[in-house]
Amino acid sequence: MSEPTVIDEAGLQARIRDIAGVLLRAETPAAEDHFLALGGDSLLATVFARKVEVECGLRPSLEEIFTLSFAEMAEALAGRQDGAARP
């Protein structure tokens, strides 16, 4: 069985921002931007969470999507990934 791919925080943030840009039909958002402030809603948030999970192997919670900037979300997900990688 293969090990899950580990994505560093910078790569994770870039992917999260790219996914958000596509879903929100906007330029790639800045690291300090928030999903809801850019026009996201609860339906798009669920699609966003699933796309992040498929592409990155980590699923942000709706609370994280609604309250954190993209940089903060990447940091939270990277921390979760680090915790999962430890024995």
N, C-alpha and C. Protein backbone atom coordinates (compact mmCIF):
# COMPACT_ATOMS: atom_id res chain seq x y z
N MET A 1 0.85 -1.18 0.00
CA MET A 1 0.00 0.00 0.00
C MET A 1 0.89 1.24 0.00
N SER A 2 0.61 2.20 -0.86
CA SER A 2 1.46 3.38 -0.96
C SER A 2 1.11 4.41 0.11
N GLU A 3 2.13 5.19 0.48
CA GLU A 3 1.95 6.25 1.46
C GLU A 3 1.20 7.41 0.81
N PRO A 4 0.36 8.13 1.55
CA PRO A 4 -0.31 9.30 0.99
C PRO A 4 0.70 10.38 0.65
N THR A 5 0.42 11.11 -0.42
CA THR A 5 1.30 12.20 -0.83
C THR A 5 1.22 13.33 0.19
N VAL A 6 2.38 13.82 0.60
CA VAL A 6 2.43 14.94 1.54
C VAL A 6 2.69 16.21 0.73
N ILE A 7 1.85 17.21 0.92
CA ILE A 7 1.99 18.48 0.22
C ILE A 7 2.43 19.52 1.23
N ASP A 8 3.48 20.28 0.89
CA ASP A 8 3.92 21.30 1.84
C ASP A 8 2.89 22.43 1.90
N GLU A 9 3.02 23.24 2.93
CA GLU A 9 2.01 24.29 3.17
C GLU A 9 1.89 25.26 2.01
N ALA A 10 3.02 25.63 1.40
CA ALA A 10 2.98 26.56 0.26
C ALA A 10 2.25 25.94 -0.92
N GLY A 11 2.52 24.68 -1.19
CA GLY A 11 1.84 23.98 -2.28
C GLY A 11 0.36 23.82 -2.01
N LEU A 12 0.05 23.53 -0.78
CA LEU A 12 -1.34 23.38 -0.36
C LEU A 12 -2.09 24.70 -0.53
N GLN A 13 -1.46 25.79 -0.10
CA GLN A 13 -2.09 27.10 -0.23
C GLN A 13 -2.32 27.44 -1.70
N ALA A 14 -1.34 27.17 -2.55
CA ALA A 14 -1.48 27.46 -3.98
C ALA A 14 -2.64 26.68 -4.58
N ARG A 15 -2.75 25.41 -4.24
CA ARG A 15 -3.84 24.59 -4.77
C ARG A 15 -5.20 25.08 -4.27
N ILE A 16 -5.28 25.39 -2.99
CA ILE A 16 -6.53 25.89 -2.41
C ILE A 16 -6.97 27.17 -3.11
N ARG A 17 -6.03 28.07 -3.31
CA ARG A 17 -6.35 29.35 -3.95
C ARG A 17 -6.75 29.15 -5.40
N ASP A 18 -6.08 28.24 -6.11
CA ASP A 18 -6.45 27.95 -7.50
C ASP A 18 -7.86 27.37 -7.59
N ILE A 19 -8.17 26.43 -6.72
CA ILE A 19 -9.51 25.82 -6.70
C ILE A 19 -10.56 26.89 -6.44
N ALA A 20 -10.30 27.75 -5.46
CA ALA A 20 -11.25 28.82 -5.14
C ALA A 20 -11.44 29.76 -6.33
N GLY A 21 -10.36 30.11 -6.99
CA GLY A 21 -10.45 30.99 -8.15
C GLY A 21 -11.33 30.42 -9.24
N VAL A 22 -11.17 29.14 -9.51
CA VAL A 22 -11.99 28.48 -10.54
C VAL A 22 -13.46 28.47 -10.12
N LEU A 23 -13.73 28.04 -8.89
CA LEU A 23 -15.13 27.96 -8.43
C LEU A 23 -15.81 29.32 -8.36
N LEU A 24 -15.05 30.34 -7.97
CA LEU A 24 -15.62 31.67 -7.82
C LEU A 24 -15.55 32.48 -9.11
N ARG A 25 -14.99 31.84 -10.15
CA ARG A 25 -14.84 32.49 -11.47
C ARG A 25 -14.16 33.84 -11.33
N ALA A 26 -13.02 33.80 -10.67
CA ALA A 26 -12.25 35.01 -10.40
C ALA A 26 -10.78 34.71 -10.60
N GLU A 27 -9.98 35.76 -10.60
CA GLU A 27 -8.54 35.56 -10.60
C GLU A 27 -8.18 34.80 -9.33
N THR A 28 -7.01 34.19 -9.35
CA THR A 28 -6.57 33.46 -8.16
C THR A 28 -6.56 34.42 -6.98
N PRO A 29 -7.28 34.08 -5.91
CA PRO A 29 -7.36 34.97 -4.75
C PRO A 29 -6.01 35.10 -4.03
N ALA A 30 -5.88 36.16 -3.28
CA ALA A 30 -4.68 36.37 -2.47
C ALA A 30 -4.74 35.48 -1.24
N ALA A 31 -3.59 35.25 -0.64
CA ALA A 31 -3.49 34.38 0.54
C ALA A 31 -4.37 34.88 1.68
N GLU A 32 -4.50 36.19 1.82
CA GLU A 32 -5.26 36.75 2.94
C GLU A 32 -6.76 36.86 2.66
N ASP A 33 -7.19 36.50 1.44
CA ASP A 33 -8.61 36.56 1.11
C ASP A 33 -9.39 35.45 1.81
N HIS A 34 -10.69 35.68 1.93
CA HIS A 34 -11.62 34.72 2.54
C HIS A 34 -12.64 34.27 1.50
N PHE A 35 -12.98 33.00 1.54
CA PHE A 35 -13.90 32.40 0.58
C PHE A 35 -15.22 33.16 0.50
N LEU A 36 -15.85 33.41 1.63
CA LEU A 36 -17.15 34.09 1.63
C LEU A 36 -17.06 35.53 1.15
N ALA A 37 -15.99 36.21 1.51
CA ALA A 37 -15.83 37.61 1.11
C ALA A 37 -15.69 37.76 -0.41
N LEU A 38 -15.27 36.68 -1.07
CA LEU A 38 -15.10 36.72 -2.52
C LEU A 38 -16.35 36.26 -3.27
N GLY A 39 -17.44 36.05 -2.53
CA GLY A 39 -18.69 35.67 -3.18
C GLY A 39 -19.08 34.22 -3.02
N GLY A 40 -18.31 33.47 -2.25
CA GLY A 40 -18.66 32.07 -2.01
C GLY A 40 -19.90 31.97 -1.14
N ASP A 41 -20.60 30.86 -1.27
CA ASP A 41 -21.77 30.60 -0.44
C ASP A 41 -21.70 29.17 0.07
N SER A 42 -22.72 28.76 0.79
CA SER A 42 -22.67 27.43 1.42
C SER A 42 -22.64 26.30 0.39
N LEU A 43 -23.33 26.45 -0.72
CA LEU A 43 -23.30 25.41 -1.74
C LEU A 43 -21.92 25.32 -2.38
N LEU A 44 -21.36 26.46 -2.74
CA LEU A 44 -20.01 26.45 -3.31
C LEU A 44 -18.98 25.95 -2.30
N ALA A 45 -19.22 26.23 -1.03
CA ALA A 45 -18.29 25.78 0.01
C ALA A 45 -18.22 24.26 0.07
N THR A 46 -19.35 23.59 -0.11
CA THR A 46 -19.32 22.12 -0.09
C THR A 46 -18.60 21.57 -1.31
N VAL A 47 -18.78 22.21 -2.45
CA VAL A 47 -18.06 21.80 -3.66
C VAL A 47 -16.57 22.06 -3.47
N PHE A 48 -16.24 23.22 -2.93
CA PHE A 48 -14.85 23.58 -2.66
C PHE A 48 -14.19 22.56 -1.74
N ALA A 49 -14.87 22.20 -0.65
CA ALA A 49 -14.32 21.23 0.30
C ALA A 49 -14.02 19.90 -0.39
N ARG A 50 -14.94 19.45 -1.22
CA ARG A 50 -14.74 18.17 -1.92
C ARG A 50 -13.60 18.25 -2.93
N LYS A 51 -13.51 19.35 -3.67
CA LYS A 51 -12.42 19.50 -4.64
C LYS A 51 -11.06 19.54 -3.95
N VAL A 52 -10.98 20.24 -2.83
CA VAL A 52 -9.73 20.27 -2.07
C VAL A 52 -9.39 18.86 -1.60
N GLU A 53 -10.38 18.13 -1.13
CA GLU A 53 -10.14 16.76 -0.67
C GLU A 53 -9.63 15.88 -1.81
N VAL A 54 -10.25 15.98 -2.97
CA VAL A 54 -9.85 15.15 -4.11
C VAL A 54 -8.43 15.51 -4.57
N GLU A 55 -8.13 16.80 -4.66
CA GLU A 55 -6.84 17.23 -5.19
C GLU A 55 -5.71 17.18 -4.16
N CYS A 56 -6.03 17.37 -2.90
CA CYS A 56 -4.99 17.49 -1.87
C CYS A 56 -5.02 16.37 -0.83
N GLY A 57 -6.09 15.61 -0.80
CA GLY A 57 -6.19 14.53 0.18
C GLY A 57 -6.58 14.99 1.58
N LEU A 58 -6.95 16.24 1.71
CA LEU A 58 -7.37 16.81 3.00
C LEU A 58 -8.63 17.62 2.78
N ARG A 59 -9.60 17.46 3.66
CA ARG A 59 -10.88 18.16 3.49
C ARG A 59 -11.04 19.24 4.55
N PRO A 60 -11.14 20.50 4.11
CA PRO A 60 -11.41 21.56 5.08
C PRO A 60 -12.86 21.46 5.56
N SER A 61 -13.07 21.80 6.82
CA SER A 61 -14.44 21.83 7.35
C SER A 61 -15.14 23.08 6.84
N LEU A 62 -16.46 23.07 6.90
CA LEU A 62 -17.19 24.27 6.50
C LEU A 62 -16.83 25.44 7.41
N GLU A 63 -16.61 25.17 8.68
CA GLU A 63 -16.20 26.24 9.60
C GLU A 63 -14.89 26.86 9.15
N GLU A 64 -13.93 26.04 8.75
CA GLU A 64 -12.64 26.57 8.26
C GLU A 64 -12.85 27.40 7.01
N ILE A 65 -13.68 26.92 6.10
CA ILE A 65 -13.93 27.66 4.86
C ILE A 65 -14.59 29.00 5.15
N PHE A 66 -15.52 29.02 6.10
CA PHE A 66 -16.26 30.24 6.39
C PHE A 66 -15.48 31.25 7.23
N THR A 67 -14.48 30.80 7.99
CA THR A 67 -13.83 31.72 8.93
C THR A 67 -12.36 32.01 8.65
N LEU A 68 -11.68 31.15 7.93
CA LEU A 68 -10.23 31.33 7.75
C LEU A 68 -9.88 31.91 6.39
N SER A 69 -8.78 32.66 6.36
CA SER A 69 -8.24 33.07 5.07
C SER A 69 -7.66 31.84 4.39
N PHE A 70 -7.32 31.96 3.12
CA PHE A 70 -6.74 30.81 2.42
C PHE A 70 -5.40 30.41 3.03
N ALA A 71 -4.61 31.38 3.47
CA ALA A 71 -3.34 31.07 4.13
C ALA A 71 -3.57 30.32 5.44
N GLU A 72 -4.53 30.79 6.23
CA GLU A 72 -4.84 30.13 7.50
C GLU A 72 -5.39 28.72 7.28
N MET A 73 -6.20 28.57 6.23
CA MET A 73 -6.76 27.26 5.92
C MET A 73 -5.66 26.28 5.52
N ALA A 74 -4.72 26.75 4.70
CA ALA A 74 -3.59 25.89 4.31
C ALA A 74 -2.77 25.49 5.52
N GLU A 75 -2.56 26.44 6.43
CA GLU A 75 -1.80 26.15 7.65
C GLU A 75 -2.52 25.09 8.49
N ALA A 76 -3.84 25.24 8.63
CA ALA A 76 -4.62 24.28 9.41
C ALA A 76 -4.58 22.89 8.78
N LEU A 77 -4.74 22.83 7.46
CA LEU A 77 -4.71 21.54 6.77
C LEU A 77 -3.32 20.91 6.81
N ALA A 78 -2.29 21.72 6.66
CA ALA A 78 -0.92 21.20 6.73
C ALA A 78 -0.65 20.63 8.11
N GLY A 79 -1.14 21.29 9.15
CA GLY A 79 -0.97 20.79 10.51
C GLY A 79 -1.67 19.47 10.72
N ARG A 80 -2.84 19.34 10.13
CA ARG A 80 -3.59 18.09 10.21
C ARG A 80 -2.84 16.98 9.47
N GLN A 81 -2.29 17.32 8.33
CA GLN A 81 -1.51 16.37 7.54
C GLN A 81 -0.29 15.92 8.31
N ASP A 82 0.42 16.86 8.94
CA ASP A 82 1.60 16.53 9.74
C ASP A 82 1.22 15.60 10.88
N GLY A 83 0.10 15.88 11.53
CA GLY A 83 -0.35 15.05 12.64
C GLY A 83 -0.70 13.64 12.19
N ALA A 84 -1.28 13.53 11.00
CA ALA A 84 -1.67 12.22 10.49
C ALA A 84 -0.45 11.41 10.08
N ALA A 85 0.63 12.09 9.70
CA ALA A 85 1.82 11.38 9.23
C ALA A 85 2.64 10.83 10.39
N ARG A 86 2.40 11.34 11.58
CA ARG A 86 3.17 10.87 12.73
C ARG A 86 2.59 9.56 13.26
N PRO A 87 3.46 8.69 13.82
CA PRO A 87 2.95 7.42 14.36
C PRO A 87 2.13 7.63 15.62
